[in-house]
Amino acid sequence: MESRKKRRSFNYFALVMVFVIGYFAFRLVGQQVHLQQIAEDQAVADARLAAAQAENEALKQEKANLQDLSYVEKIAREELGMTRQGELPYTEAGK
């Protein structure tokens, strides 16, 4: 009867396959984490680019406005308190 019993041997092929599948699963998860980080970095870079482009447009508009003498006069009067020759500056008492 003992000859009929099949002796169980260790299945090395199954062990190797488990390790191979585990290795590729580990690599896949690592790549997904890396791609997620790259996507987040891309979103931050896109936001910074949009902000820089908006600031650039505002600066271009300011540069164009500075070519207009009436705008320059307005800024000089409002922000710097300058007046034309012969004018008296008006200031509020509360300031």
PDB file of N, CA and C in Angstrom:
ATOM      1  N   MET A   1       0.785  -1.182   0.000  1.00  0.00           N
ATOM      2  CA  MET A   1       0.000   0.000   0.000  1.00  0.00           C
ATOM      3  C   MET A   1       0.838   1.262   0.000  1.00  0.00           C
ATOM      4  N   GLU A   2       1.923   1.195   0.605  1.00  0.00           N
ATOM      5  CA  GLU A   2       2.766   2.369   0.671  1.00  0.00           C
ATOM      6  C   GLU A   2       3.274   2.766  -0.697  1.00  0.00           C
ATOM      7  N   SER A   3       3.400   1.846  -1.567  1.00  0.00           N
ATOM      8  CA  SER A   3       3.869   2.168  -2.904  1.00  0.00           C
ATOM      9  C   SER A   3       2.812   2.940  -3.683  1.00  0.00           C
ATOM     10  N   ARG A   4       1.554   2.703  -3.332  1.00  0.00           N
ATOM     11  CA  ARG A   4       0.487   3.423  -4.011  1.00  0.00           C
ATOM     12  C   ARG A   4       0.372   4.871  -3.536  1.00  0.00           C
ATOM     13  N   LYS A   5       0.737   5.154  -2.340  1.00  0.00           N
ATOM     14  CA  LYS A   5       0.656   6.503  -1.822  1.00  0.00           C
ATOM     15  C   LYS A   5       1.657   7.380  -2.564  1.00  0.00           C
ATOM     16  N   LYS A   6       1.144   8.480  -2.955  1.00  0.00           N
ATOM     17  CA  LYS A   6       2.014   9.406  -3.671  1.00  0.00           C
ATOM     18  C   LYS A   6       2.677  10.311  -2.651  1.00  0.00           C
ATOM     19  N   ARG A   7       3.933  10.399  -2.751  1.00  0.00           N
ATOM     20  CA  ARG A   7       4.660  11.257  -1.836  1.00  0.00           C
ATOM     21  C   ARG A   7       4.546  12.700  -2.302  1.00  0.00           C
ATOM     22  N   ARG A   8       4.144  13.556  -1.417  1.00  0.00           N
ATOM     23  CA  ARG A   8       4.015  14.965  -1.773  1.00  0.00           C
ATOM     24  C   ARG A   8       5.396  15.601  -1.750  1.00  0.00           C
ATOM     25  N   SER A   9       5.726  16.247  -2.833  1.00  0.00           N
ATOM     26  CA  SER A   9       7.006  16.954  -2.878  1.00  0.00           C
ATOM     27  C   SER A   9       6.720  18.454  -2.906  1.00  0.00           C
ATOM     28  N   PHE A  10       7.674  19.217  -2.529  1.00  0.00           N
ATOM     29  CA  PHE A  10       7.531  20.671  -2.501  1.00  0.00           C
ATOM     30  C   PHE A  10       7.483  21.191  -3.929  1.00  0.00           C
ATOM     31  N   ASN A  11       6.511  22.042  -4.229  1.00  0.00           N
ATOM     32  CA  ASN A  11       6.321  22.547  -5.573  1.00  0.00           C
ATOM     33  C   ASN A  11       7.095  23.874  -5.732  1.00  0.00           C
ATOM     34  N   TYR A  12       8.293  23.759  -6.285  1.00  0.00           N
ATOM     35  CA  TYR A  12       9.149  24.935  -6.462  1.00  0.00           C
ATOM     36  C   TYR A  12       8.606  25.877  -7.539  1.00  0.00           C
ATOM     37  N   PHE A  13       7.950  25.330  -8.519  1.00  0.00           N
ATOM     38  CA  PHE A  13       7.392  26.163  -9.583  1.00  0.00           C
ATOM     39  C   PHE A  13       6.350  27.142  -9.024  1.00  0.00           C
ATOM     40  N   ALA A  14       5.487  26.654  -8.155  1.00  0.00           N
ATOM     41  CA  ALA A  14       4.463  27.517  -7.550  1.00  0.00           C
ATOM     42  C   ALA A  14       5.120  28.607  -6.704  1.00  0.00           C
ATOM     43  N   LEU A  15       6.161  28.250  -5.970  1.00  0.00           N
ATOM     44  CA  LEU A  15       6.871  29.233  -5.150  1.00  0.00           C
ATOM     45  C   LEU A  15       7.513  30.318  -6.010  1.00  0.00           C
ATOM     46  N   VAL A  16       8.141  29.914  -7.094  1.00  0.00           N
ATOM     47  CA  VAL A  16       8.761  30.884  -8.001  1.00  0.00           C
ATOM     48  C   VAL A  16       7.699  31.787  -8.622  1.00  0.00           C
ATOM     49  N   MET A  17       6.571  31.212  -9.008  1.00  0.00           N
ATOM     50  CA  MET A  17       5.500  32.009  -9.610  1.00  0.00           C
ATOM     51  C   MET A  17       4.938  33.024  -8.612  1.00  0.00           C
ATOM     52  N   VAL A  18       4.820  32.650  -7.363  1.00  0.00           N
ATOM     53  CA  VAL A  18       4.344  33.587  -6.328  1.00  0.00           C
ATOM     54  C   VAL A  18       5.315  34.748  -6.203  1.00  0.00           C
ATOM     55  N   PHE A  19       6.603  34.451  -6.184  1.00  0.00           N
ATOM     56  CA  PHE A  19       7.597  35.519  -6.084  1.00  0.00           C
ATOM     57  C   PHE A  19       7.582  36.421  -7.321  1.00  0.00           C
ATOM     58  N   VAL A  20       7.461  35.845  -8.497  1.00  0.00           N
ATOM     59  CA  VAL A  20       7.436  36.639  -9.730  1.00  0.00           C
ATOM     60  C   VAL A  20       6.202  37.543  -9.759  1.00  0.00           C
ATOM     61  N   ILE A  21       5.058  36.982  -9.433  1.00  0.00           N
ATOM     62  CA  ILE A  21       3.826  37.785  -9.410  1.00  0.00           C
ATOM     63  C   ILE A  21       3.917  38.874  -8.339  1.00  0.00           C
ATOM     64  N   GLY A  22       4.452  38.541  -7.199  1.00  0.00           N
ATOM     65  CA  GLY A  22       4.624  39.530  -6.126  1.00  0.00           C
ATOM     66  C   GLY A  22       5.561  40.654  -6.543  1.00  0.00           C
ATOM     67  N   TYR A  23       6.654  40.295  -7.207  1.00  0.00           N
ATOM     68  CA  TYR A  23       7.608  41.307  -7.669  1.00  0.00           C
ATOM     69  C   TYR A  23       6.949  42.269  -8.649  1.00  0.00           C
ATOM     70  N   PHE A  24       6.220  41.726  -9.639  1.00  0.00           N
ATOM     71  CA  PHE A  24       5.578  42.594 -10.629  1.00  0.00           C
ATOM     72  C   PHE A  24       4.455  43.430 -10.013  1.00  0.00           C
ATOM     73  N   ALA A  25       3.759  42.895  -9.048  1.00  0.00           N
ATOM     74  CA  ALA A  25       2.728  43.670  -8.354  1.00  0.00           C
ATOM     75  C   ALA A  25       3.364  44.824  -7.579  1.00  0.00           C
ATOM     76  N   PHE A  26       4.478  44.550  -6.907  1.00  0.00           N
ATOM     77  CA  PHE A  26       5.204  45.596  -6.180  1.00  0.00           C
ATOM     78  C   PHE A  26       5.676  46.686  -7.125  1.00  0.00           C
ATOM     79  N   ARG A  27       6.219  46.320  -8.257  1.00  0.00           N
ATOM     80  CA  ARG A  27       6.695  47.298  -9.248  1.00  0.00           C
ATOM     81  C   ARG A  27       5.533  48.125  -9.795  1.00  0.00           C
ATOM     82  N   LEU A  28       4.401  47.480 -10.050  1.00  0.00           N
ATOM     83  CA  LEU A  28       3.233  48.175 -10.585  1.00  0.00           C
ATOM     84  C   LEU A  28       2.720  49.220  -9.593  1.00  0.00           C
ATOM     85  N   VAL A  29       2.637  48.852  -8.339  1.00  0.00           N
ATOM     86  CA  VAL A  29       2.184  49.799  -7.313  1.00  0.00           C
ATOM     87  C   VAL A  29       3.176  50.958  -7.202  1.00  0.00           C
ATOM     88  N   GLY A  30       4.445  50.664  -7.240  1.00  0.00           N
ATOM     89  CA  GLY A  30       5.463  51.717  -7.171  1.00  0.00           C
ATOM     90  C   GLY A  30       5.362  52.688  -8.336  1.00  0.00           C
ATOM     91  N   GLN A  31       5.104  52.174  -9.511  1.00  0.00           N
ATOM     92  CA  GLN A  31       4.965  53.035 -10.684  1.00  0.00           C
ATOM     93  C   GLN A  31       3.710  53.891 -10.589  1.00  0.00           C
ATOM     94  N   GLN A  32       2.641  53.342 -10.065  1.00  0.00           N
ATOM     95  CA  GLN A  32       1.407  54.116  -9.917  1.00  0.00           C
ATOM     96  C   GLN A  32       1.593  55.258  -8.921  1.00  0.00           C
ATOM     97  N   VAL A  33       2.304  54.991  -7.851  1.00  0.00           N
ATOM     98  CA  VAL A  33       2.590  56.047  -6.871  1.00  0.00           C
ATOM     99  C   VAL A  33       3.442  57.131  -7.519  1.00  0.00           C
ATOM    100  N   HIS A  34       4.429  56.738  -8.279  1.00  0.00           N
ATOM    101  CA  HIS A  34       5.297  57.700  -8.967  1.00  0.00           C
ATOM    102  C   HIS A  34       4.499  58.536  -9.973  1.00  0.00           C
ATOM    103  N   LEU A  35       3.628  57.904 -10.744  1.00  0.00           N
ATOM    104  CA  LEU A  35       2.808  58.635 -11.710  1.00  0.00           C
ATOM    105  C   LEU A  35       1.848  59.597 -11.022  1.00  0.00           C
ATOM    106  N   GLN A  36       1.319  59.218  -9.871  1.00  0.00           N
ATOM    107  CA  GLN A  36       0.440  60.117  -9.117  1.00  0.00           C
ATOM    108  C   GLN A  36       1.209  61.348  -8.650  1.00  0.00           C
ATOM    109  N   GLN A  37       2.432  61.158  -8.193  1.00  0.00           N
ATOM    110  CA  GLN A  37       3.262  62.289  -7.756  1.00  0.00           C
ATOM    111  C   GLN A  37       3.565  63.207  -8.935  1.00  0.00           C
ATOM    112  N   ILE A  38       3.847  62.637 -10.081  1.00  0.00           N
ATOM    113  CA  ILE A  38       4.116  63.445 -11.272  1.00  0.00           C
ATOM    114  C   ILE A  38       2.866  64.241 -11.664  1.00  0.00           C
ATOM    115  N   ALA A  39       1.694  63.623 -11.570  1.00  0.00           N
ATOM    116  CA  ALA A  39       0.446  64.326 -11.903  1.00  0.00           C
ATOM    117  C   ALA A  39       0.206  65.491 -10.945  1.00  0.00           C
ATOM    118  N   GLU A  40       0.496  65.302  -9.670  1.00  0.00           N
ATOM    119  CA  GLU A  40       0.350  66.388  -8.697  1.00  0.00           C
ATOM    120  C   GLU A  40       1.334  67.515  -8.999  1.00  0.00           C
ATOM    121  N   ASP A  41       2.567  67.169  -9.314  1.00  0.00           N
ATOM    122  CA  ASP A  41       3.570  68.181  -9.667  1.00  0.00           C
ATOM    123  C   ASP A  41       3.143  68.944 -10.916  1.00  0.00           C
ATOM    124  N   GLN A  42       2.558  68.249 -11.875  1.00  0.00           N
ATOM    125  CA  GLN A  42       2.089  68.889 -13.109  1.00  0.00           C
ATOM    126  C   GLN A  42       0.967  69.880 -12.804  1.00  0.00           C
ATOM    127  N   ALA A  43       0.054  69.501 -11.909  1.00  0.00           N
ATOM    128  CA  ALA A  43      -1.050  70.396 -11.544  1.00  0.00           C
ATOM    129  C   ALA A  43      -0.519  71.656 -10.862  1.00  0.00           C
ATOM    130  N   VAL A  44       0.462  71.506  -9.986  1.00  0.00           N
ATOM    131  CA  VAL A  44       1.059  72.668  -9.318  1.00  0.00           C
ATOM    132  C   VAL A  44       1.764  73.557 -10.342  1.00  0.00           C
ATOM    133  N   ALA A  45       2.489  72.950 -11.265  1.00  0.00           N
ATOM    134  CA  ALA A  45       3.193  73.722 -12.291  1.00  0.00           C
ATOM    135  C   ALA A  45       2.204  74.450 -13.203  1.00  0.00           C
ATOM    136  N   ASP A  46       1.093  73.800 -13.544  1.00  0.00           N
ATOM    137  CA  ASP A  46       0.072  74.449 -14.374  1.00  0.00           C
ATOM    138  C   ASP A  46      -0.540  75.645 -13.657  1.00  0.00           C
ATOM    139  N   ALA A  47      -0.788  75.507 -12.362  1.00  0.00           N
ATOM    140  CA  ALA A  47      -1.345  76.625 -11.587  1.00  0.00           C
ATOM    141  C   ALA A  47      -0.361  77.786 -11.530  1.00  0.00           C
ATOM    142  N   ARG A  48       0.921  77.477 -11.319  1.00  0.00           N
ATOM    143  CA  ARG A  48       1.940  78.536 -11.290  1.00  0.00           C
ATOM    144  C   ARG A  48       2.052  79.211 -12.646  1.00  0.00           C
ATOM    145  N   LEU A  49       1.961  78.437 -13.716  1.00  0.00           N
ATOM    146  CA  LEU A  49       2.036  79.004 -15.055  1.00  0.00           C
ATOM    147  C   LEU A  49       0.856  79.928 -15.314  1.00  0.00           C
ATOM    148  N   ALA A  50      -0.338  79.515 -14.926  1.00  0.00           N
ATOM    149  CA  ALA A  50      -1.527  80.348 -15.131  1.00  0.00           C
ATOM    150  C   ALA A  50      -1.409  81.654 -14.351  1.00  0.00           C
ATOM    151  N   ALA A  51      -0.907  81.581 -13.121  1.00  0.00           N
ATOM    152  CA  ALA A  51      -0.727  82.789 -12.317  1.00  0.00           C
ATOM    153  C   ALA A  51       0.314  83.707 -12.950  1.00  0.00           C
ATOM    154  N   ALA A  52       1.395  83.142 -13.452  1.00  0.00           N
ATOM    155  CA  ALA A  52       2.435  83.948 -14.089  1.00  0.00           C
ATOM    156  C   ALA A  52       1.923  84.589 -15.377  1.00  0.00           C
ATOM    157  N   GLN A  53       1.106  83.860 -16.129  1.00  0.00           N
ATOM    158  CA  GLN A  53       0.552  84.424 -17.358  1.00  0.00           C
ATOM    159  C   GLN A  53      -0.418  85.565 -17.044  1.00  0.00           C
ATOM    160  N   ALA A  54      -1.222  85.415 -15.989  1.00  0.00           N
ATOM    161  CA  ALA A  54      -2.141  86.484 -15.593  1.00  0.00           C
ATOM    162  C   ALA A  54      -1.365  87.720 -15.149  1.00  0.00           C
ATOM    163  N   GLU A  55      -0.310  87.514 -14.379  1.00  0.00           N
ATOM    164  CA  GLU A  55       0.521  88.647 -13.936  1.00  0.00           C
ATOM    165  C   GLU A  55       1.190  89.305 -15.135  1.00  0.00           C
ATOM    166  N   ASN A  56       1.634  88.508 -16.090  1.00  0.00           N
ATOM    167  CA  ASN A  56       2.273  89.040 -17.289  1.00  0.00           C
ATOM    168  C   ASN A  56       1.297  89.914 -18.073  1.00  0.00           C
ATOM    169  N   GLU A  57       0.055  89.452 -18.213  1.00  0.00           N
ATOM    170  CA  GLU A  57      -0.958  90.239 -18.916  1.00  0.00           C
ATOM    171  C   GLU A  57      -1.240  91.551 -18.188  1.00  0.00           C
ATOM    172  N   ALA A  58      -1.310  91.498 -16.854  1.00  0.00           N
ATOM    173  CA  ALA A  58      -1.541  92.713 -16.070  1.00  0.00           C
ATOM    174  C   ALA A  58      -0.386  93.694 -16.250  1.00  0.00           C
ATOM    175  N   LEU A  59       0.822  93.177 -16.272  1.00  0.00           N
ATOM    176  CA  LEU A  59       1.991  94.052 -16.457  1.00  0.00           C
ATOM    177  C   LEU A  59       2.028  94.641 -17.862  1.00  0.00           C
ATOM    178  N   LYS A  60       1.631  93.855 -18.850  1.00  0.00           N
ATOM    179  CA  LYS A  60       1.560  94.391 -20.217  1.00  0.00           C
ATOM    180  C   LYS A  60       0.528  95.506 -20.304  1.00  0.00           C
ATOM    181  N   GLN A  61      -0.616  95.323 -19.636  1.00  0.00           N
ATOM    182  CA  GLN A  61      -1.649  96.355 -19.623  1.00  0.00           C
ATOM    183  C   GLN A  61      -1.151  97.609 -18.910  1.00  0.00           C
ATOM    184  N   GLU A  62      -0.450  97.427 -17.802  1.00  0.00           N
ATOM    185  CA  GLU A  62       0.116  98.571 -17.071  1.00  0.00           C
ATOM    186  C   GLU A  62       1.137  99.303 -17.934  1.00  0.00           C
ATOM    187  N   LYS A  63       1.942  98.564 -18.653  1.00  0.00           N
ATOM    188  CA  LYS A  63       2.931  99.186 -19.545  1.00  0.00           C
ATOM    189  C   LYS A  63       2.230 100.002 -20.631  1.00  0.00           C
ATOM    190  N   ALA A  64       1.162  99.440 -21.190  1.00  0.00           N
ATOM    191  CA  ALA A  64       0.414 100.170 -22.215  1.00  0.00           C
ATOM    192  C   ALA A  64      -0.230 101.417 -21.626  1.00  0.00           C
ATOM    193  N   ASN A  65      -0.752 101.314 -20.396  1.00  0.00           N
ATOM    194  CA  ASN A  65      -1.362 102.476 -19.747  1.00  0.00           C
ATOM    195  C   ASN A  65      -0.345 103.571 -19.467  1.00  0.00           C
ATOM    196  N   LEU A  66       0.872 103.191 -19.172  1.00  0.00           N
ATOM    197  CA  LEU A  66       1.908 104.187 -18.868  1.00  0.00           C
ATOM    198  C   LEU A  66       2.319 104.994 -20.099  1.00  0.00           C
ATOM    199  N   GLN A  67       1.913 104.563 -21.282  1.00  0.00           N
ATOM    200  CA  GLN A  67       2.176 105.339 -22.487  1.00  0.00           C
ATOM    201  C   GLN A  67       1.167 106.485 -22.634  1.00  0.00           C
ATOM    202  N   ASP A  68       0.060 106.414 -21.916  1.00  0.00           N
ATOM    203  CA  ASP A  68      -0.992 107.435 -21.957  1.00  0.00           C
ATOM    204  C   ASP A  68      -0.698 108.487 -20.881  1.00  0.00           C
ATOM    205  N   LEU A  69      -0.519 109.742 -21.290  1.00  0.00           N
ATOM    206  CA  LEU A  69      -0.148 110.804 -20.348  1.00  0.00           C
ATOM    207  C   LEU A  69      -1.249 111.094 -19.337  1.00  0.00           C
ATOM    208  N   SER A  70      -2.513 110.946 -19.729  1.00  0.00           N
ATOM    209  CA  SER A  70      -3.592 111.209 -18.772  1.00  0.00           C
ATOM    210  C   SER A  70      -3.587 110.171 -17.651  1.00  0.00           C
ATOM    211  N   TYR A  71      -3.233 108.936 -17.969  1.00  0.00           N
ATOM    212  CA  TYR A  71      -3.133 107.896 -16.943  1.00  0.00           C
ATOM    213  C   TYR A  71      -1.972 108.196 -15.999  1.00  0.00           C
ATOM    214  N   VAL A  72      -0.855 108.613 -16.563  1.00  0.00           N
ATOM    215  CA  VAL A  72       0.313 108.941 -15.741  1.00  0.00           C
ATOM    216  C   VAL A  72      -0.029 110.102 -14.806  1.00  0.00           C
ATOM    217  N   GLU A  73      -0.734 111.104 -15.342  1.00  0.00           N
ATOM    218  CA  GLU A  73      -1.129 112.249 -14.512  1.00  0.00           C
ATOM    219  C   GLU A  73      -2.062 111.794 -13.385  1.00  0.00           C
ATOM    220  N   LYS A  74      -3.008 110.934 -13.709  1.00  0.00           N
ATOM    221  CA  LYS A  74      -3.952 110.429 -12.710  1.00  0.00           C
ATOM    222  C   LYS A  74      -3.213 109.704 -11.587  1.00  0.00           C
ATOM    223  N   ILE A  75      -2.281 108.849 -11.949  1.00  0.00           N
ATOM    224  CA  ILE A  75      -1.498 108.112 -10.945  1.00  0.00           C
ATOM    225  C   ILE A  75      -0.671 109.073 -10.108  1.00  0.00           C
ATOM    226  N   ALA A  76      -0.059 110.049 -10.752  1.00  0.00           N
ATOM    227  CA  ALA A  76       0.767 111.021 -10.030  1.00  0.00           C
ATOM    228  C   ALA A  76      -0.080 111.810  -9.035  1.00  0.00           C
ATOM    229  N   ARG A  77      -1.270 112.186  -9.419  1.00  0.00           N
ATOM    230  CA  ARG A  77      -2.133 112.950  -8.525  1.00  0.00           C
ATOM    231  C   ARG A  77      -2.673 112.063  -7.387  1.00  0.00           C
ATOM    232  N   GLU A  78      -3.165 110.868  -7.701  1.00  0.00           N
ATOM    233  CA  GLU A  78      -3.814 110.021  -6.698  1.00  0.00           C
ATOM    234  C   GLU A  78      -2.826 109.356  -5.744  1.00  0.00           C
ATOM    235  N   GLU A  79      -1.769 108.806  -6.265  1.00  0.00           N
ATOM    236  CA  GLU A  79      -0.872 108.014  -5.428  1.00  0.00           C
ATOM    237  C   GLU A  79       0.291 108.823  -4.865  1.00  0.00           C
ATOM    238  N   LEU A  80       0.758 109.805  -5.611  1.00  0.00           N
ATOM    239  CA  LEU A  80       1.922 110.565  -5.164  1.00  0.00           C
ATOM    240  C   LEU A  80       1.568 111.938  -4.614  1.00  0.00           C
ATOM    241  N   GLY A  81       0.309 112.360  -4.785  1.00  0.00           N
ATOM    242  CA  GLY A  81      -0.134 113.646  -4.263  1.00  0.00           C
ATOM    243  C   GLY A  81       0.460 114.830  -5.009  1.00  0.00           C
ATOM    244  N   MET A  82       0.863 114.635  -6.224  1.00  0.00           N
ATOM    245  CA  MET A  82       1.462 115.710  -7.009  1.00  0.00           C
ATOM    246  C   MET A  82       0.364 116.610  -7.577  1.00  0.00           C
ATOM    247  N   THR A  83       0.747 117.860  -7.842  1.00  0.00           N
ATOM    248  CA  THR A  83      -0.185 118.825  -8.426  1.00  0.00           C
ATOM    249  C   THR A  83       0.500 119.536  -9.580  1.00  0.00           C
ATOM    250  N   ARG A  84      -0.324 120.194 -10.382  1.00  0.00           N
ATOM    251  CA  ARG A  84       0.236 121.019 -11.450  1.00  0.00           C
ATOM    252  C   ARG A  84       0.730 122.328 -10.863  1.00  0.00           C
ATOM    253  N   GLN A  85       1.525 123.008 -11.634  1.00  0.00           N
ATOM    254  CA  GLN A  85       2.049 124.280 -11.178  1.00  0.00           C
ATOM    255  C   GLN A  85       0.885 125.256 -10.986  1.00  0.00           C
ATOM    256  N   GLY A  86       0.837 125.893  -9.828  1.00  0.00           N
ATOM    257  CA  GLY A  86      -0.205 126.856  -9.515  1.00  0.00           C
ATOM    258  C   GLY A  86      -1.390 126.231  -8.792  1.00  0.00           C
ATOM    259  N   GLU A  87      -1.521 124.931  -8.726  1.00  0.00           N
ATOM    260  CA  GLU A  87      -2.624 124.289  -8.016  1.00  0.00           C
ATOM    261  C   GLU A  87      -2.242 124.083  -6.556  1.00  0.00           C
ATOM    262  N   LEU A  88      -3.253 124.087  -5.704  1.00  0.00           N
ATOM    263  CA  LEU A  88      -3.023 123.828  -4.291  1.00  0.00           C
ATOM    264  C   LEU A  88      -3.531 122.426  -3.976  1.00  0.00           C
ATOM    265  N   PRO A  89      -2.728 121.638  -3.295  1.00  0.00           N
ATOM    266  CA  PRO A  89      -3.190 120.286  -2.974  1.00  0.00           C
ATOM    267  C   PRO A  89      -4.270 120.322  -1.886  1.00  0.00           C
ATOM    268  N   TYR A  90      -5.220 119.436  -2.002  1.00  0.00           N
ATOM    269  CA  TYR A  90      -6.296 119.343  -1.044  1.00  0.00           C
ATOM    270  C   TYR A  90      -6.125 118.025  -0.272  1.00  0.00           C
ATOM    271  N   THR A  91      -6.080 118.129   1.034  1.00  0.00           N
ATOM    272  CA  THR A  91      -6.010 116.935   1.867  1.00  0.00           C
ATOM    273  C   THR A  91      -7.118 116.998   2.900  1.00  0.00           C
ATOM    274  N   GLU A  92      -7.672 115.864   3.213  1.00  0.00           N
ATOM    275  CA  GLU A  92      -8.723 115.795   4.208  1.00  0.00           C
ATOM    276  C   GLU A  92      -8.100 115.907   5.589  1.00  0.00           C
ATOM    277  N   ALA A  93      -8.864 116.413   6.512  1.00  0.00           N
ATOM    278  CA  ALA A  93      -8.356 116.610   7.885  1.00  0.00           C
ATOM    279  C   ALA A  93      -8.126 115.287   8.582  1.00  0.00           C
ATOM    280  N   GLY A  94      -8.866 114.259   8.234  1.00  0.00           N
ATOM    281  CA  GLY A  94      -8.741 112.978   8.909  1.00  0.00           C
ATOM    282  C   GLY A  94      -7.513 112.177   8.493  1.00  0.00           C
ATOM    283  N   LYS A  95      -6.894 112.566   7.424  1.00  0.00           N
ATOM    284  CA  LYS A  95      -5.748 111.782   6.924  1.00  0.00           C
ATOM    285  C   LYS A  95      -4.475 112.165   7.591  1.00  0.00           C
TER     286      LYS A  95
END
